[in-house]
Amino acid sequence: MHTAKPFLVLASLLNMLKPGGSAWIYIYGSGGLYWQVIATFRRLFSSLSTDFLLARLLARDLPTGRVAEIIEDWKTPHLRAYSYEDFSTVLQGLEYTVKRLMRGREYDTSE
């Protein structure tokens, strides 16, 4: 999600698995209002420095983890979200089986 060539990185990681091994891969799911809002913020804040935005967020006394997540969503150079269908098609093309977990986990602050 955060690299220039995510599927090349994914293929490299999966090649490190033992035969029959498993990997848990957390990705941002596409669609929905959340990603539309994030795309809008990314456009609006593209000319503002990370330091400027960070200072404003910290002034609001937000928890550090929340500030980090917001800055990541707004300013990371590569931010991608994938549909289940697109991501599973890529993994199946690499000859891996996909098991989808529905909804977020308790550590998922967006959930």
PDB file of N, CA and C in Angstrom:
ATOM      1  N   MET A   1       0.820  -1.198   0.000  1.00  0.00           N
ATOM      2  CA  MET A   1       0.000   0.000   0.000  1.00  0.00           C
ATOM      3  C   MET A   1       0.864   1.261   0.000  1.00  0.00           C
ATOM      4  N   HIS A   2       2.046   1.149   0.600  1.00  0.00           N
ATOM      5  CA  HIS A   2       2.871   2.340   0.796  1.00  0.00           C
ATOM      6  C   HIS A   2       4.192   2.277   0.049  1.00  0.00           C
ATOM      7  N   THR A   3       4.300   1.435  -0.968  1.00  0.00           N
ATOM      8  CA  THR A   3       5.526   1.351  -1.747  1.00  0.00           C
ATOM      9  C   THR A   3       5.234   1.698  -3.198  1.00  0.00           C
ATOM     10  N   ALA A   4       6.289   2.011  -3.925  1.00  0.00           N
ATOM     11  CA  ALA A   4       6.120   2.375  -5.333  1.00  0.00           C
ATOM     12  C   ALA A   4       5.632   1.190  -6.170  1.00  0.00           C
ATOM     13  N   LYS A   5       6.064  -0.018  -5.811  1.00  0.00           N
ATOM     14  CA  LYS A   5       5.691  -1.219  -6.565  1.00  0.00           C
ATOM     15  C   LYS A   5       5.160  -2.287  -5.604  1.00  0.00           C
ATOM     16  N   PRO A   6       3.937  -2.114  -5.121  1.00  0.00           N
ATOM     17  CA  PRO A   6       3.433  -2.995  -4.065  1.00  0.00           C
ATOM     18  C   PRO A   6       3.366  -4.472  -4.430  1.00  0.00           C
ATOM     19  N   PHE A   7       3.013  -4.796  -5.662  1.00  0.00           N
ATOM     20  CA  PHE A   7       2.874  -6.218  -5.991  1.00  0.00           C
ATOM     21  C   PHE A   7       4.231  -6.886  -6.193  1.00  0.00           C
ATOM     22  N   LEU A   8       5.242  -6.134  -6.570  1.00  0.00           N
ATOM     23  CA  LEU A   8       6.595  -6.673  -6.619  1.00  0.00           C
ATOM     24  C   LEU A   8       7.088  -6.977  -5.206  1.00  0.00           C
ATOM     25  N   VAL A   9       6.825  -6.068  -4.275  1.00  0.00           N
ATOM     26  CA  VAL A   9       7.185  -6.289  -2.873  1.00  0.00           C
ATOM     27  C   VAL A   9       6.420  -7.482  -2.307  1.00  0.00           C
ATOM     28  N   LEU A  10       5.140  -7.553  -2.603  1.00  0.00           N
ATOM     29  CA  LEU A  10       4.320  -8.668  -2.125  1.00  0.00           C
ATOM     30  C   LEU A  10       4.857 -10.003  -2.633  1.00  0.00           C
ATOM     31  N   ALA A  11       5.178 -10.081  -3.914  1.00  0.00           N
ATOM     32  CA  ALA A  11       5.706 -11.328  -4.473  1.00  0.00           C
ATOM     33  C   ALA A  11       7.016 -11.703  -3.791  1.00  0.00           C
ATOM     34  N   SER A  12       7.863 -10.722  -3.516  1.00  0.00           N
ATOM     35  CA  SER A  12       9.136 -10.991  -2.829  1.00  0.00           C
ATOM     36  C   SER A  12       8.900 -11.535  -1.425  1.00  0.00           C
ATOM     37  N   LEU A  13       7.955 -10.932  -0.699  1.00  0.00           N
ATOM     38  CA  LEU A  13       7.648 -11.406   0.653  1.00  0.00           C
ATOM     39  C   LEU A  13       7.089 -12.823   0.634  1.00  0.00           C
ATOM     40  N   LEU A  14       6.195 -13.092  -0.277  1.00  0.00           N
ATOM     41  CA  LEU A  14       5.580 -14.411  -0.330  1.00  0.00           C
ATOM     42  C   LEU A  14       6.579 -15.489  -0.728  1.00  0.00           C
ATOM     43  N   ASN A  15       7.591 -15.121  -1.503  1.00  0.00           N
ATOM     44  CA  ASN A  15       8.627 -16.083  -1.882  1.00  0.00           C
ATOM     45  C   ASN A  15       9.463 -16.526  -0.687  1.00  0.00           C
ATOM     46  N   MET A  16       9.406 -15.798   0.409  1.00  0.00           N
ATOM     47  CA  MET A  16      10.159 -16.143   1.608  1.00  0.00           C
ATOM     48  C   MET A  16       9.428 -17.146   2.503  1.00  0.00           C
ATOM     49  N   LEU A  17       8.174 -17.430   2.178  1.00  0.00           N
ATOM     50  CA  LEU A  17       7.416 -18.389   2.984  1.00  0.00           C
ATOM     51  C   LEU A  17       7.919 -19.809   2.775  1.00  0.00           C
ATOM     52  N   LYS A  18       7.840 -20.601   3.831  1.00  0.00           N
ATOM     53  CA  LYS A  18       8.119 -22.034   3.701  1.00  0.00           C
ATOM     54  C   LYS A  18       7.007 -22.639   2.844  1.00  0.00           C
ATOM     55  N   PRO A  19       7.280 -23.752   2.178  1.00  0.00           N
ATOM     56  CA  PRO A  19       6.208 -24.431   1.429  1.00  0.00           C
ATOM     57  C   PRO A  19       5.026 -24.729   2.362  1.00  0.00           C
ATOM     58  N   GLY A  20       3.841 -24.357   1.940  1.00  0.00           N
ATOM     59  CA  GLY A  20       2.644 -24.549   2.753  1.00  0.00           C
ATOM     60  C   GLY A  20       2.476 -23.500   3.842  1.00  0.00           C
ATOM     61  N   GLY A  21       3.380 -22.503   3.887  1.00  0.00           N
ATOM     62  CA  GLY A  21       3.325 -21.465   4.919  1.00  0.00           C
ATOM     63  C   GLY A  21       2.188 -20.492   4.693  1.00  0.00           C
ATOM     64  N   SER A  22       1.943 -19.671   5.697  1.00  0.00           N
ATOM     65  CA  SER A  22       0.866 -18.679   5.650  1.00  0.00           C
ATOM     66  C   SER A  22       1.413 -17.298   5.959  1.00  0.00           C
ATOM     67  N   ALA A  23       0.726 -16.315   5.459  1.00  0.00           N
ATOM     68  CA  ALA A  23       1.045 -14.920   5.764  1.00  0.00           C
ATOM     69  C   ALA A  23      -0.262 -14.178   6.006  1.00  0.00           C
ATOM     70  N   TRP A  24      -0.248 -13.303   6.996  1.00  0.00           N
ATOM     71  CA  TRP A  24      -1.394 -12.425   7.239  1.00  0.00           C
ATOM     72  C   TRP A  24      -1.038 -11.079   6.626  1.00  0.00           C
ATOM     73  N   ILE A  25      -1.862 -10.627   5.715  1.00  0.00           N
ATOM     74  CA  ILE A  25      -1.586  -9.374   5.007  1.00  0.00           C
ATOM     75  C   ILE A  25      -2.752  -8.436   5.235  1.00  0.00           C
ATOM     76  N   TYR A  26      -2.443  -7.302   5.820  1.00  0.00           N
ATOM     77  CA  TYR A  26      -3.460  -6.291   6.103  1.00  0.00           C
ATOM     78  C   TYR A  26      -3.385  -5.240   5.004  1.00  0.00           C
ATOM     79  N   ILE A  27      -4.489  -5.021   4.327  1.00  0.00           N
ATOM     80  CA  ILE A  27      -4.533  -3.995   3.288  1.00  0.00           C
ATOM     81  C   ILE A  27      -5.715  -3.076   3.541  1.00  0.00           C
ATOM     82  N   TYR A  28      -5.628  -1.894   2.975  1.00  0.00           N
ATOM     83  CA  TYR A  28      -6.754  -0.978   3.023  1.00  0.00           C
ATOM     84  C   TYR A  28      -7.754  -1.401   1.954  1.00  0.00           C
ATOM     85  N   GLY A  29      -8.996  -1.591   2.367  1.00  0.00           N
ATOM     86  CA  GLY A  29     -10.053  -1.919   1.428  1.00  0.00           C
ATOM     87  C   GLY A  29     -10.535  -0.655   0.723  1.00  0.00           C
ATOM     88  N   SER A  30     -10.814  -0.774  -0.554  1.00  0.00           N
ATOM     89  CA  SER A  30     -11.244   0.399  -1.325  1.00  0.00           C
ATOM     90  C   SER A  30     -12.750   0.609  -1.208  1.00  0.00           C
ATOM     91  N   GLY A  31     -13.178   1.739  -1.681  1.00  0.00           N
ATOM     92  CA  GLY A  31     -14.602   2.060  -1.695  1.00  0.00           C
ATOM     93  C   GLY A  31     -15.031   2.756  -0.420  1.00  0.00           C
ATOM     94  N   GLY A  32     -16.226   3.219  -0.440  1.00  0.00           N
ATOM     95  CA  GLY A  32     -16.788   3.845   0.747  1.00  0.00           C
ATOM     96  C   GLY A  32     -16.410   5.308   0.907  1.00  0.00           C
ATOM     97  N   LEU A  33     -17.099   5.938   1.807  1.00  0.00           N
ATOM     98  CA  LEU A  33     -16.925   7.362   2.073  1.00  0.00           C
ATOM     99  C   LEU A  33     -15.556   7.686   2.660  1.00  0.00           C
ATOM    100  N   TYR A  34     -15.017   6.807   3.496  1.00  0.00           N
ATOM    101  CA  TYR A  34     -13.743   7.081   4.163  1.00  0.00           C
ATOM    102  C   TYR A  34     -12.657   7.449   3.154  1.00  0.00           C
ATOM    103  N   TRP A  35     -12.483   6.625   2.106  1.00  0.00           N
ATOM    104  CA  TRP A  35     -11.411   6.871   1.148  1.00  0.00           C
ATOM    105  C   TRP A  35     -11.696   8.076   0.259  1.00  0.00           C
ATOM    106  N   GLN A  36     -12.947   8.392   0.039  1.00  0.00           N
ATOM    107  CA  GLN A  36     -13.281   9.619  -0.697  1.00  0.00           C
ATOM    108  C   GLN A  36     -12.867  10.849   0.108  1.00  0.00           C
ATOM    109  N   VAL A  37     -13.126  10.815   1.412  1.00  0.00           N
ATOM    110  CA  VAL A  37     -12.734  11.920   2.293  1.00  0.00           C
ATOM    111  C   VAL A  37     -11.212  12.037   2.346  1.00  0.00           C
ATOM    112  N   ILE A  38     -10.511  10.916   2.499  1.00  0.00           N
ATOM    113  CA  ILE A  38      -9.043  10.935   2.548  1.00  0.00           C
ATOM    114  C   ILE A  38      -8.485  11.493   1.243  1.00  0.00           C
ATOM    115  N   ALA A  39      -9.025  11.102   0.109  1.00  0.00           N
ATOM    116  CA  ALA A  39      -8.553  11.631  -1.186  1.00  0.00           C
ATOM    117  C   ALA A  39      -8.738  13.143  -1.252  1.00  0.00           C
ATOM    118  N   THR A  40      -9.841  13.637  -0.721  1.00  0.00           N
ATOM    119  CA  THR A  40     -10.083  15.073  -0.693  1.00  0.00           C
ATOM    120  C   THR A  40      -9.074  15.782   0.199  1.00  0.00           C
ATOM    121  N   PHE A  41      -8.837  15.244   1.405  1.00  0.00           N
ATOM    122  CA  PHE A  41      -7.838  15.839   2.305  1.00  0.00           C
ATOM    123  C   PHE A  41      -6.450  15.821   1.669  1.00  0.00           C
ATOM    124  N   ARG A  42      -6.100  14.732   0.998  1.00  0.00           N
ATOM    125  CA  ARG A  42      -4.782  14.654   0.357  1.00  0.00           C
ATOM    126  C   ARG A  42      -4.622  15.757  -0.692  1.00  0.00           C
ATOM    127  N   ARG A  43      -5.669  16.015  -1.454  1.00  0.00           N
ATOM    128  CA  ARG A  43      -5.611  17.103  -2.455  1.00  0.00           C
ATOM    129  C   ARG A  43      -5.514  18.459  -1.763  1.00  0.00           C
ATOM    130  N   LEU A  44      -6.364  18.687  -0.761  1.00  0.00           N
ATOM    131  CA  LEU A  44      -6.391  19.980  -0.078  1.00  0.00           C
ATOM    132  C   LEU A  44      -5.081  20.286   0.660  1.00  0.00           C
ATOM    133  N   PHE A  45      -4.467  19.252   1.217  1.00  0.00           N
ATOM    134  CA  PHE A  45      -3.282  19.448   2.055  1.00  0.00           C
ATOM    135  C   PHE A  45      -1.970  19.179   1.320  1.00  0.00           C
ATOM    136  N   SER A  46      -2.034  18.926   0.021  1.00  0.00           N
ATOM    137  CA  SER A  46      -0.821  18.560  -0.715  1.00  0.00           C
ATOM    138  C   SER A  46       0.253  19.644  -0.662  1.00  0.00           C
ATOM    139  N   SER A  47      -0.141  20.906  -0.599  1.00  0.00           N
ATOM    140  CA  SER A  47       0.846  21.988  -0.580  1.00  0.00           C
ATOM    141  C   SER A  47       1.308  22.346   0.833  1.00  0.00           C
ATOM    142  N   LEU A  48       0.680  21.767   1.846  1.00  0.00           N
ATOM    143  CA  LEU A  48       1.071  22.040   3.230  1.00  0.00           C
ATOM    144  C   LEU A  48       2.118  21.030   3.687  1.00  0.00           C
ATOM    145  N   SER A  49       3.074  21.490   4.458  1.00  0.00           N
ATOM    146  CA  SER A  49       4.129  20.593   4.929  1.00  0.00           C
ATOM    147  C   SER A  49       3.595  19.639   5.996  1.00  0.00           C
ATOM    148  N   THR A  50       4.249  18.507   6.096  1.00  0.00           N
ATOM    149  CA  THR A  50       3.911  17.534   7.136  1.00  0.00           C
ATOM    150  C   THR A  50       4.099  18.160   8.512  1.00  0.00           C
ATOM    151  N   ASP A  51       5.185  18.935   8.692  1.00  0.00           N
ATOM    152  CA  ASP A  51       5.437  19.586   9.982  1.00  0.00           C
ATOM    153  C   ASP A  51       4.306  20.533  10.363  1.00  0.00           C
ATOM    154  N   PHE A  52       3.798  21.279   9.400  1.00  0.00           N
ATOM    155  CA  PHE A  52       2.693  22.212   9.656  1.00  0.00           C
ATOM    156  C   PHE A  52       1.451  21.442  10.125  1.00  0.00           C
ATOM    157  N   LEU A  53       1.099  20.386   9.379  1.00  0.00           N
ATOM    158  CA  LEU A  53      -0.082  19.595   9.738  1.00  0.00           C
ATOM    159  C   LEU A  53       0.111  18.882  11.069  1.00  0.00           C
ATOM    160  N   LEU A  54       1.302  18.366  11.296  1.00  0.00           N
ATOM    161  CA  LEU A  54       1.603  17.671  12.545  1.00  0.00           C
ATOM    162  C   LEU A  54       1.435  18.603  13.741  1.00  0.00           C
ATOM    163  N   ALA A  55       1.930  19.822  13.625  1.00  0.00           N
ATOM    164  CA  ALA A  55       1.801  20.792  14.720  1.00  0.00           C
ATOM    165  C   ALA A  55       0.328  21.082  15.011  1.00  0.00           C
ATOM    166  N   ARG A  56      -0.480  21.206  13.963  1.00  0.00           N
ATOM    167  CA  ARG A  56      -1.906  21.493  14.158  1.00  0.00           C
ATOM    168  C   ARG A  56      -2.619  20.324  14.828  1.00  0.00           C
ATOM    169  N   LEU A  57      -2.284  19.119  14.429  1.00  0.00           N
ATOM    170  CA  LEU A  57      -2.921  17.941  15.026  1.00  0.00           C
ATOM    171  C   LEU A  57      -2.503  17.763  16.480  1.00  0.00           C
ATOM    172  N   LEU A  58      -1.219  17.959  16.760  1.00  0.00           N
ATOM    173  CA  LEU A  58      -0.745  17.815  18.140  1.00  0.00           C
ATOM    174  C   LEU A  58      -1.351  18.871  19.058  1.00  0.00           C
ATOM    175  N   ALA A  59      -1.633  20.035  18.510  1.00  0.00           N
ATOM    176  CA  ALA A  59      -2.258  21.100  19.301  1.00  0.00           C
ATOM    177  C   ALA A  59      -3.681  20.737  19.722  1.00  0.00           C
ATOM    178  N   ARG A  60      -4.260  19.755  19.063  1.00  0.00           N
ATOM    179  CA  ARG A  60      -5.632  19.313  19.382  1.00  0.00           C
ATOM    180  C   ARG A  60      -5.646  18.222  20.453  1.00  0.00           C
ATOM    181  N   ASP A  61      -4.482  17.870  20.977  1.00  0.00           N
ATOM    182  CA  ASP A  61      -4.363  16.839  22.016  1.00  0.00           C
ATOM    183  C   ASP A  61      -4.922  15.483  21.582  1.00  0.00           C
ATOM    184  N   LEU A  62      -4.733  15.155  20.319  1.00  0.00           N
ATOM    185  CA  LEU A  62      -5.140  13.836  19.837  1.00  0.00           C
ATOM    186  C   LEU A  62      -4.128  12.797  20.304  1.00  0.00           C
ATOM    187  N   PRO A  63      -4.555  11.556  20.498  1.00  0.00           N
ATOM    188  CA  PRO A  63      -3.606  10.504  20.866  1.00  0.00           C
ATOM    189  C   PRO A  63      -2.539  10.350  19.776  1.00  0.00           C
ATOM    190  N   THR A  64      -1.324  10.036  20.174  1.00  0.00           N
ATOM    191  CA  THR A  64      -0.201   9.934  19.243  1.00  0.00           C
ATOM    192  C   THR A  64      -0.496   8.968  18.099  1.00  0.00           C
ATOM    193  N   GLY A  65      -1.091   7.826  18.406  1.00  0.00           N
ATOM    194  CA  GLY A  65      -1.401   6.849  17.367  1.00  0.00           C
ATOM    195  C   GLY A  65      -2.370   7.386  16.335  1.00  0.00           C
ATOM    196  N   ARG A  66      -3.320   8.155  16.784  1.00  0.00           N
ATOM    197  CA  ARG A  66      -4.298   8.744  15.854  1.00  0.00           C
ATOM    198  C   ARG A  66      -3.630   9.787  14.960  1.00  0.00           C
ATOM    199  N   VAL A  67      -2.749  10.605  15.555  1.00  0.00           N
ATOM    200  CA  VAL A  67      -2.013  11.608  14.775  1.00  0.00           C
ATOM    201  C   VAL A  67      -1.174  10.908  13.697  1.00  0.00           C
ATOM    202  N   ALA A  68      -0.491   9.829  14.074  1.00  0.00           N
ATOM    203  CA  ALA A  68       0.335   9.088  13.115  1.00  0.00           C
ATOM    204  C   ALA A  68      -0.504   8.548  11.967  1.00  0.00           C
ATOM    205  N   GLU A  69      -1.675   8.017  12.293  1.00  0.00           N
ATOM    206  CA  GLU A  69      -2.546   7.474  11.251  1.00  0.00           C
ATOM    207  C   GLU A  69      -3.039   8.580  10.310  1.00  0.00           C
ATOM    208  N   ILE A  70      -3.395   9.706  10.864  1.00  0.00           N
ATOM    209  CA  ILE A  70      -3.883  10.825  10.041  1.00  0.00           C
ATOM    210  C   ILE A  70      -2.774  11.313   9.112  1.00  0.00           C
ATOM    211  N   ILE A  71      -1.580  11.519   9.657  1.00  0.00           N
ATOM    212  CA  ILE A  71      -0.457  11.986   8.834  1.00  0.00           C
ATOM    213  C   ILE A  71      -0.151  10.960   7.744  1.00  0.00           C
ATOM    214  N   GLU A  72      -0.196   9.690   8.100  1.00  0.00           N
ATOM    215  CA  GLU A  72       0.033   8.642   7.090  1.00  0.00           C
ATOM    216  C   GLU A  72      -0.995   8.749   5.967  1.00  0.00           C
ATOM    217  N   ASP A  73      -2.259   8.875   6.315  1.00  0.00           N
ATOM    218  CA  ASP A  73      -3.309   8.969   5.299  1.00  0.00           C
ATOM    219  C   ASP A  73      -3.175  10.229   4.449  1.00  0.00           C
ATOM    220  N   TRP A  74      -2.778  11.322   5.054  1.00  0.00           N
ATOM    221  CA  TRP A  74      -2.741  12.592   4.336  1.00  0.00           C
ATOM    222  C   TRP A  74      -1.466  12.820   3.544  1.00  0.00           C
ATOM    223  N   LYS A  75      -0.328  12.309   4.034  1.00  0.00           N
ATOM    224  CA  LYS A  75       0.939  12.740   3.458  1.00  0.00           C
ATOM    225  C   LYS A  75       1.856  11.645   2.915  1.00  0.00           C
ATOM    226  N   THR A  76       1.576  10.381   3.148  1.00  0.00           N
ATOM    227  CA  THR A  76       2.459   9.351   2.621  1.00  0.00           C
ATOM    228  C   THR A  76       2.485   9.421   1.092  1.00  0.00           C
ATOM    229  N   PRO A  77       3.669   9.264   0.478  1.00  0.00           N
ATOM    230  CA  PRO A  77       3.747   9.383  -0.982  1.00  0.00           C
ATOM    231  C   PRO A  77       2.906   8.339  -1.725  1.00  0.00           C
ATOM    232  N   HIS A  78       2.814   7.141  -1.188  1.00  0.00           N
ATOM    233  CA  HIS A  78       2.052   6.071  -1.838  1.00  0.00           C
ATOM    234  C   HIS A  78       0.971   5.587  -0.880  1.00  0.00           C
ATOM    235  N   LEU A  79      -0.267   5.765  -1.279  1.00  0.00           N
ATOM    236  CA  LEU A  79      -1.395   5.302  -0.467  1.00  0.00           C
ATOM    237  C   LEU A  79      -2.386   4.635  -1.411  1.00  0.00           C
ATOM    238  N   ARG A  80      -2.547   3.356  -1.221  1.00  0.00           N
ATOM    239  CA  ARG A  80      -3.441   2.609  -2.093  1.00  0.00           C
ATOM    240  C   ARG A  80      -4.436   1.801  -1.265  1.00  0.00           C
ATOM    241  N   ALA A  81      -5.596   1.606  -1.843  1.00  0.00           N
ATOM    242  CA  ALA A  81      -6.608   0.731  -1.262  1.00  0.00           C
ATOM    243  C   ALA A  81      -7.045  -0.212  -2.376  1.00  0.00           C
ATOM    244  N   TYR A  82      -7.401  -1.425  -2.007  1.00  0.00           N
ATOM    245  CA  TYR A  82      -7.706  -2.437  -3.008  1.00  0.00           C
ATOM    246  C   TYR A  82      -9.067  -3.063  -2.745  1.00  0.00           C
ATOM    247  N   SER A  83      -9.747  -3.408  -3.821  1.00  0.00           N
ATOM    248  CA  SER A  83     -10.952  -4.210  -3.672  1.00  0.00           C
ATOM    249  C   SER A  83     -10.515  -5.645  -3.389  1.00  0.00           C
ATOM    250  N   TYR A  84     -11.364  -6.383  -2.726  1.00  0.00           N
ATOM    251  CA  TYR A  84     -11.077  -7.794  -2.459  1.00  0.00           C
ATOM    252  C   TYR A  84     -10.816  -8.538  -3.770  1.00  0.00           C
ATOM    253  N   GLU A  85     -11.630  -8.257  -4.758  1.00  0.00           N
ATOM    254  CA  GLU A  85     -11.515  -8.955  -6.035  1.00  0.00           C
ATOM    255  C   GLU A  85     -10.157  -8.697  -6.682  1.00  0.00           C
ATOM    256  N   ASP A  86      -9.727  -7.429  -6.725  1.00  0.00           N
ATOM    257  CA  ASP A  86      -8.443  -7.108  -7.357  1.00  0.00           C
ATOM    258  C   ASP A  86      -7.273  -7.733  -6.608  1.00  0.00           C
ATOM    259  N   PHE A  87      -7.291  -7.618  -5.284  1.00  0.00           N
ATOM    260  CA  PHE A  87      -6.171  -8.134  -4.492  1.00  0.00           C
ATOM    261  C   PHE A  87      -6.114  -9.660  -4.550  1.00  0.00           C
ATOM    262  N   SER A  88      -7.258 -10.310  -4.433  1.00  0.00           N
ATOM    263  CA  SER A  88      -7.265 -11.777  -4.459  1.00  0.00           C
ATOM    264  C   SER A  88      -6.883 -12.298  -5.843  1.00  0.00           C
ATOM    265  N   THR A  89      -7.241 -11.592  -6.901  1.00  0.00           N
ATOM    266  CA  THR A  89      -6.843 -12.000  -8.247  1.00  0.00           C
ATOM    267  C   THR A  89      -5.323 -11.996  -8.384  1.00  0.00           C
ATOM    268  N   VAL A  90      -4.675 -10.970  -7.841  1.00  0.00           N
ATOM    269  CA  VAL A  90      -3.213 -10.901  -7.892  1.00  0.00           C
ATOM    270  C   VAL A  90      -2.603 -12.061  -7.108  1.00  0.00           C
ATOM    271  N   LEU A  91      -3.103 -12.305  -5.898  1.00  0.00           N
ATOM    272  CA  LEU A  91      -2.557 -13.399  -5.084  1.00  0.00           C
ATOM    273  C   LEU A  91      -2.793 -14.753  -5.738  1.00  0.00           C
ATOM    274  N   GLN A  92      -3.952 -14.948  -6.314  1.00  0.00           N
ATOM    275  CA  GLN A  92      -4.227 -16.213  -6.990  1.00  0.00           C
ATOM    276  C   GLN A  92      -3.318 -16.379  -8.200  1.00  0.00           C
ATOM    277  N   GLY A  93      -3.002 -15.259  -8.863  1.00  0.00           N
ATOM    278  CA  GLY A  93      -2.048 -15.306  -9.975  1.00  0.00           C
ATOM    279  C   GLY A  93      -0.656 -15.704  -9.518  1.00  0.00           C
ATOM    280  N   LEU A  94      -0.330 -15.424  -8.267  1.00  0.00           N
ATOM    281  CA  LEU A  94       0.943 -15.840  -7.680  1.00  0.00           C
ATOM    282  C   LEU A  94       0.830 -17.233  -7.049  1.00  0.00           C
ATOM    283  N   GLU A  95      -0.336 -17.869  -7.277  1.00  0.00           N
ATOM    284  CA  GLU A  95      -0.625 -19.222  -6.799  1.00  0.00           C
ATOM    285  C   GLU A  95      -0.750 -19.307  -5.282  1.00  0.00           C
ATOM    286  N   TYR A  96      -1.401 -18.314  -4.693  1.00  0.00           N
ATOM    287  CA  TYR A  96      -1.704 -18.321  -3.261  1.00  0.00           C
ATOM    288  C   TYR A  96      -3.201 -18.313  -3.065  1.00  0.00           C
ATOM    289  N   THR A  97      -3.639 -18.934  -1.997  1.00  0.00           N
ATOM    290  CA  THR A  97      -5.046 -18.965  -1.628  1.00  0.00           C
ATOM    291  C   THR A  97      -5.331 -17.776  -0.724  1.00  0.00           C
ATOM    292  N   VAL A  98      -6.485 -17.170  -0.911  1.00  0.00           N
ATOM    293  CA  VAL A  98      -6.863 -15.993  -0.137  1.00  0.00           C
ATOM    294  C   VAL A  98      -8.021 -16.340   0.777  1.00  0.00           C
ATOM    295  N   LYS A  99      -7.900 -15.959   2.042  1.00  0.00           N
ATOM    296  CA  LYS A  99      -9.011 -16.074   2.982  1.00  0.00           C
ATOM    297  C   LYS A  99      -9.302 -14.660   3.465  1.00  0.00           C
ATOM    298  N   ARG A 100     -10.474 -14.213   3.216  1.00  0.00           N
ATOM    299  CA  ARG A 100     -10.860 -12.844   3.555  1.00  0.00           C
ATOM    300  C   ARG A 100     -11.424 -12.775   4.964  1.00  0.00           C
ATOM    301  N   LEU A 101     -10.940 -11.822   5.741  1.00  0.00           N
ATOM    302  CA  LEU A 101     -11.522 -11.539   7.052  1.00  0.00           C
ATOM    303  C   LEU A 101     -12.487 -10.372   6.887  1.00  0.00           C
ATOM    304  N   MET A 102     -13.665 -10.525   7.371  1.00  0.00           N
ATOM    305  CA  MET A 102     -14.665  -9.473   7.219  1.00  0.00           C
ATOM    306  C   MET A 102     -14.500  -8.429   8.308  1.00  0.00           C
ATOM    307  N   ARG A 103     -14.577  -7.200   7.921  1.00  0.00           N
ATOM    308  CA  ARG A 103     -14.515  -6.041   8.807  1.00  0.00           C
ATOM    309  C   ARG A 103     -13.140  -5.902   9.435  1.00  0.00           C
ATOM    310  N   GLY A 104     -12.963  -4.844  10.160  1.00  0.00           N
ATOM    311  CA  GLY A 104     -11.675  -4.564  10.779  1.00  0.00           C
ATOM    312  C   GLY A 104     -11.450  -5.349  12.058  1.00  0.00           C
ATOM    313  N   ARG A 105     -10.290  -5.190  12.583  1.00  0.00           N
ATOM    314  CA  ARG A 105      -9.935  -5.819  13.845  1.00  0.00           C
ATOM    315  C   ARG A 105      -9.985  -4.758  14.936  1.00  0.00           C
ATOM    316  N   GLU A 106      -9.916  -5.162  16.174  1.00  0.00           N
ATOM    317  CA  GLU A 106     -10.048  -4.202  17.271  1.00  0.00           C
ATOM    318  C   GLU A 106      -8.917  -3.184  17.303  1.00  0.00           C
ATOM    319  N   TYR A 107      -7.762  -3.500  16.680  1.00  0.00           N
ATOM    320  CA  TYR A 107      -6.662  -2.552  16.619  1.00  0.00           C
ATOM    321  C   TYR A 107      -6.771  -1.609  15.424  1.00  0.00           C
ATOM    322  N   ASP A 108      -7.775  -1.798  14.599  1.00  0.00           N
ATOM    323  CA  ASP A 108      -7.974  -0.969  13.406  1.00  0.00           C
ATOM    324  C   ASP A 108      -8.712   0.303  13.820  1.00  0.00           C
ATOM    325  N   THR A 109      -7.980   1.402  13.916  1.00  0.00           N
ATOM    326  CA  THR A 109      -8.598   2.638  14.398  1.00  0.00           C
ATOM    327  C   THR A 109      -9.601   3.218  13.415  1.00  0.00           C
ATOM    328  N   SER A 110      -9.548   2.800  12.153  1.00  0.00           N
ATOM    329  CA  SER A 110     -10.541   3.264  11.188  1.00  0.00           C
ATOM    330  C   SER A 110     -11.850   2.518  11.353  1.00  0.00           C
ATOM    331  N   GLU A 111     -11.795   1.351  11.966  1.00  0.00           N
ATOM    332  CA  GLU A 111     -13.000   0.542  12.135  1.00  0.00           C
ATOM    333  C   GLU A 111     -13.861   1.171  13.214  1.00  0.00           C
TER     334      GLU A 111
END
